[in-house]
Amino acid sequence: MGLFSKIMLAPLAPAFGVITLARELQREANEQLYGEQALRRELVALQQAVDNGEMTEAEYDAAEYDILWRLEQARRAAADASG
């Protein structure tokens, strides 16, 4: 980028920073929702809830299905992004 371009785009620098921050926040949110480690922690928490009697087997099955579906979506997205 030339000097002229840098001078002309300088007033937009804060906007570029906000966009970069928004992208990083989106990436982190996706990791929290669809990251394998987060989903594994959720599965462990579900199993503990069943073991402690806080949830029925039917509730566990429904929640487990949702988590496994999200895990599959995350793996597909990763496969699409890599190739």
N, C-alpha and C. Protein backbone atom coordinates (compact mmCIF):
# COMPACT_ATOMS: atom_id res chain seq x y z
N MET A 1 0.85 -1.15 0.00
CA MET A 1 0.00 0.00 0.00
C MET A 1 0.90 1.23 0.00
N GLY A 2 0.62 2.15 -0.87
CA GLY A 2 1.43 3.34 -0.99
C GLY A 2 1.15 4.35 0.11
N LEU A 3 2.00 5.33 0.18
CA LEU A 3 1.87 6.37 1.19
C LEU A 3 0.54 7.12 1.03
N PHE A 4 0.18 7.43 -0.21
CA PHE A 4 -1.07 8.14 -0.45
C PHE A 4 -2.26 7.32 0.06
N SER A 5 -2.26 6.03 -0.22
CA SER A 5 -3.35 5.18 0.25
C SER A 5 -3.43 5.15 1.77
N LYS A 6 -2.28 5.06 2.41
CA LYS A 6 -2.26 5.05 3.88
C LYS A 6 -2.82 6.34 4.45
N ILE A 7 -2.46 7.45 3.84
CA ILE A 7 -2.96 8.75 4.31
C ILE A 7 -4.47 8.84 4.12
N MET A 8 -4.94 8.40 2.98
CA MET A 8 -6.37 8.48 2.69
C MET A 8 -7.20 7.55 3.56
N LEU A 9 -6.64 6.41 3.91
CA LEU A 9 -7.39 5.43 4.71
C LEU A 9 -7.19 5.60 6.21
N ALA A 10 -6.31 6.50 6.63
CA ALA A 10 -6.04 6.71 8.06
C ALA A 10 -7.31 6.99 8.87
N PRO A 11 -8.23 7.81 8.38
CA PRO A 11 -9.45 8.05 9.18
C PRO A 11 -10.30 6.80 9.39
N LEU A 12 -10.11 5.80 8.55
CA LEU A 12 -10.90 4.57 8.67
C LEU A 12 -10.23 3.53 9.57
N ALA A 13 -9.03 3.83 10.08
CA ALA A 13 -8.30 2.87 10.90
C ALA A 13 -9.13 2.36 12.08
N PRO A 14 -9.85 3.23 12.81
CA PRO A 14 -10.67 2.69 13.92
C PRO A 14 -11.73 1.70 13.43
N ALA A 15 -12.30 1.95 12.27
CA ALA A 15 -13.31 1.02 11.74
C ALA A 15 -12.68 -0.33 11.43
N PHE A 16 -11.47 -0.31 10.87
CA PHE A 16 -10.79 -1.57 10.58
C PHE A 16 -10.51 -2.33 11.88
N GLY A 17 -10.18 -1.59 12.93
CA GLY A 17 -9.94 -2.22 14.23
C GLY A 17 -11.20 -2.87 14.78
N VAL A 18 -12.31 -2.20 14.64
CA VAL A 18 -13.59 -2.74 15.12
C VAL A 18 -13.95 -3.99 14.33
N ILE A 19 -13.72 -3.96 13.03
CA ILE A 19 -14.02 -5.13 12.19
C ILE A 19 -13.15 -6.31 12.60
N THR A 20 -11.87 -6.04 12.83
CA THR A 20 -10.96 -7.10 13.26
C THR A 20 -11.40 -7.68 14.60
N LEU A 21 -11.79 -6.82 15.52
CA LEU A 21 -12.27 -7.27 16.83
C LEU A 21 -13.54 -8.10 16.68
N ALA A 22 -14.46 -7.67 15.84
CA ALA A 22 -15.70 -8.41 15.63
C ALA A 22 -15.42 -9.79 15.07
N ARG A 23 -14.50 -9.88 14.14
CA ARG A 23 -14.14 -11.20 13.58
C ARG A 23 -13.54 -12.11 14.63
N GLU A 24 -12.70 -11.55 15.49
CA GLU A 24 -12.08 -12.35 16.56
C GLU A 24 -13.14 -12.81 17.56
N LEU A 25 -14.09 -11.94 17.89
CA LEU A 25 -15.16 -12.33 18.80
C LEU A 25 -16.04 -13.42 18.19
N GLN A 26 -16.29 -13.32 16.90
CA GLN A 26 -17.08 -14.35 16.22
C GLN A 26 -16.34 -15.68 16.24
N ARG A 27 -15.04 -15.65 15.98
CA ARG A 27 -14.25 -16.88 16.00
C ARG A 27 -14.28 -17.52 17.39
N GLU A 28 -14.12 -16.70 18.41
CA GLU A 28 -14.13 -17.21 19.78
C GLU A 28 -15.51 -17.77 20.16
N ALA A 29 -16.56 -17.09 19.74
CA ALA A 29 -17.91 -17.58 20.02
C ALA A 29 -18.15 -18.93 19.34
N ASN A 30 -17.70 -19.05 18.11
CA ASN A 30 -17.84 -20.33 17.40
C ASN A 30 -17.05 -21.43 18.11
N GLU A 31 -15.89 -21.08 18.61
CA GLU A 31 -15.08 -22.07 19.34
C GLU A 31 -15.80 -22.51 20.61
N GLN A 32 -16.43 -21.56 21.30
CA GLN A 32 -17.16 -21.90 22.52
C GLN A 32 -18.39 -22.75 22.23
N LEU A 33 -19.03 -22.52 21.11
CA LEU A 33 -20.24 -23.27 20.77
C LEU A 33 -19.94 -24.59 20.10
N TYR A 34 -18.98 -24.59 19.20
CA TYR A 34 -18.75 -25.76 18.36
C TYR A 34 -17.39 -26.42 18.53
N GLY A 35 -16.54 -25.87 19.37
CA GLY A 35 -15.22 -26.47 19.58
C GLY A 35 -15.36 -27.84 20.23
N GLU A 36 -14.52 -28.77 19.80
CA GLU A 36 -14.63 -30.13 20.31
C GLU A 36 -14.43 -30.20 21.82
N GLN A 37 -13.50 -29.41 22.36
CA GLN A 37 -13.27 -29.44 23.79
C GLN A 37 -14.49 -28.95 24.57
N ALA A 38 -15.11 -27.89 24.08
CA ALA A 38 -16.30 -27.36 24.75
C ALA A 38 -17.44 -28.38 24.71
N LEU A 39 -17.60 -29.03 23.57
CA LEU A 39 -18.68 -30.02 23.44
C LEU A 39 -18.41 -31.24 24.31
N ARG A 40 -17.16 -31.63 24.41
CA ARG A 40 -16.82 -32.76 25.30
C ARG A 40 -17.12 -32.41 26.76
N ARG A 41 -16.81 -31.16 27.14
CA ARG A 41 -17.11 -30.73 28.52
C ARG A 41 -18.62 -30.77 28.76
N GLU A 42 -19.39 -30.38 27.76
CA GLU A 42 -20.85 -30.42 27.91
C GLU A 42 -21.34 -31.85 28.09
N LEU A 43 -20.76 -32.78 27.33
CA LEU A 43 -21.17 -34.18 27.47
C LEU A 43 -20.84 -34.72 28.86
N VAL A 44 -19.68 -34.36 29.38
CA VAL A 44 -19.30 -34.79 30.73
C VAL A 44 -20.26 -34.20 31.76
N ALA A 45 -20.59 -32.92 31.58
CA ALA A 45 -21.53 -32.28 32.52
C ALA A 45 -22.90 -32.94 32.46
N LEU A 46 -23.32 -33.32 31.26
CA LEU A 46 -24.62 -34.01 31.13
C LEU A 46 -24.59 -35.34 31.87
N GLN A 47 -23.51 -36.08 31.70
CA GLN A 47 -23.41 -37.39 32.36
C GLN A 47 -23.42 -37.22 33.88
N GLN A 48 -22.73 -36.20 34.36
CA GLN A 48 -22.73 -35.93 35.80
C GLN A 48 -24.12 -35.56 36.29
N ALA A 49 -24.86 -34.81 35.49
CA ALA A 49 -26.23 -34.44 35.87
C ALA A 49 -27.10 -35.68 35.98
N VAL A 50 -26.94 -36.62 35.06
CA VAL A 50 -27.71 -37.87 35.13
C VAL A 50 -27.29 -38.67 36.36
N ASP A 51 -26.00 -38.75 36.59
CA ASP A 51 -25.49 -39.51 37.74
C ASP A 51 -25.97 -38.92 39.06
N ASN A 52 -26.13 -37.60 39.11
CA ASN A 52 -26.58 -36.93 40.33
C ASN A 52 -28.10 -36.87 40.44
N GLY A 53 -28.80 -37.39 39.46
CA GLY A 53 -30.26 -37.38 39.49
C GLY A 53 -30.89 -36.05 39.14
N GLU A 54 -30.11 -35.17 38.54
CA GLU A 54 -30.62 -33.84 38.18
C GLU A 54 -31.34 -33.84 36.84
N MET A 55 -31.23 -34.95 36.11
CA MET A 55 -31.81 -35.03 34.78
C MET A 55 -32.17 -36.48 34.49
N THR A 56 -33.23 -36.66 33.73
CA THR A 56 -33.65 -38.02 33.39
C THR A 56 -32.86 -38.52 32.18
N GLU A 57 -32.95 -39.80 31.93
CA GLU A 57 -32.28 -40.38 30.77
C GLU A 57 -32.83 -39.80 29.46
N ALA A 58 -34.14 -39.55 29.43
CA ALA A 58 -34.75 -38.98 28.22
C ALA A 58 -34.22 -37.57 27.96
N GLU A 59 -34.10 -36.78 29.02
CA GLU A 59 -33.54 -35.44 28.86
C GLU A 59 -32.09 -35.51 28.42
N TYR A 60 -31.37 -36.46 28.99
CA TYR A 60 -29.96 -36.67 28.62
C TYR A 60 -29.86 -37.02 27.13
N ASP A 61 -30.70 -37.95 26.70
CA ASP A 61 -30.65 -38.37 25.29
C ASP A 61 -30.91 -37.21 24.34
N ALA A 62 -31.86 -36.37 24.68
CA ALA A 62 -32.17 -35.21 23.82
C ALA A 62 -31.01 -34.22 23.80
N ALA A 63 -30.44 -33.95 24.97
CA ALA A 63 -29.33 -33.01 25.04
C ALA A 63 -28.08 -33.58 24.36
N GLU A 64 -27.86 -34.88 24.54
CA GLU A 64 -26.71 -35.53 23.90
C GLU A 64 -26.84 -35.46 22.38
N TYR A 65 -28.03 -35.69 21.87
CA TYR A 65 -28.26 -35.61 20.43
C TYR A 65 -27.91 -34.22 19.91
N ASP A 66 -28.34 -33.19 20.63
CA ASP A 66 -28.05 -31.81 20.23
C ASP A 66 -26.55 -31.56 20.20
N ILE A 67 -25.84 -31.99 21.21
CA ILE A 67 -24.39 -31.79 21.28
C ILE A 67 -23.69 -32.54 20.16
N LEU A 68 -24.08 -33.78 19.93
CA LEU A 68 -23.45 -34.56 18.86
C LEU A 68 -23.74 -33.96 17.49
N TRP A 69 -24.94 -33.38 17.31
CA TRP A 69 -25.26 -32.71 16.06
C TRP A 69 -24.35 -31.50 15.85
N ARG A 70 -24.15 -30.72 16.92
CA ARG A 70 -23.27 -29.55 16.84
C ARG A 70 -21.83 -29.97 16.55
N LEU A 71 -21.40 -31.09 17.13
CA LEU A 71 -20.06 -31.59 16.87
C LEU A 71 -19.90 -31.98 15.41
N GLU A 72 -20.90 -32.64 14.86
CA GLU A 72 -20.86 -33.02 13.44
C GLU A 72 -20.81 -31.78 12.55
N GLN A 73 -21.60 -30.75 12.89
CA GLN A 73 -21.58 -29.51 12.11
C GLN A 73 -20.21 -28.86 12.17
N ALA A 74 -19.59 -28.88 13.33
CA ALA A 74 -18.25 -28.28 13.48
C ALA A 74 -17.23 -29.03 12.64
N ARG A 75 -17.32 -30.35 12.63
CA ARG A 75 -16.37 -31.14 11.83
C ARG A 75 -16.58 -30.90 10.35
N ARG A 76 -17.83 -30.79 9.92
CA ARG A 76 -18.09 -30.49 8.50
C ARG A 76 -17.55 -29.14 8.10
N ALA A 77 -17.77 -28.14 8.97
CA ALA A 77 -17.29 -26.79 8.68
C ALA A 77 -15.77 -26.77 8.59
N ALA A 78 -15.12 -27.51 9.48
CA ALA A 78 -13.65 -27.58 9.46
C ALA A 78 -13.16 -28.27 8.19
N ALA A 79 -13.86 -29.32 7.79
CA ALA A 79 -13.48 -30.03 6.56
C ALA A 79 -13.69 -29.13 5.33
N ASP A 80 -14.78 -28.37 5.31
CA ASP A 80 -15.04 -27.46 4.20
C ASP A 80 -13.99 -26.35 4.14
N ALA A 81 -13.58 -25.86 5.30
CA ALA A 81 -12.62 -24.77 5.35
C ALA A 81 -11.21 -25.23 4.94
N SER A 82 -10.90 -26.48 5.21
CA SER A 82 -9.55 -26.97 4.89
C SER A 82 -9.43 -27.47 3.47
N GLY A 83 -10.53 -27.75 2.84
CA GLY A 83 -10.32 -28.29 1.51
C GLY A 83 -11.45 -28.17 0.65
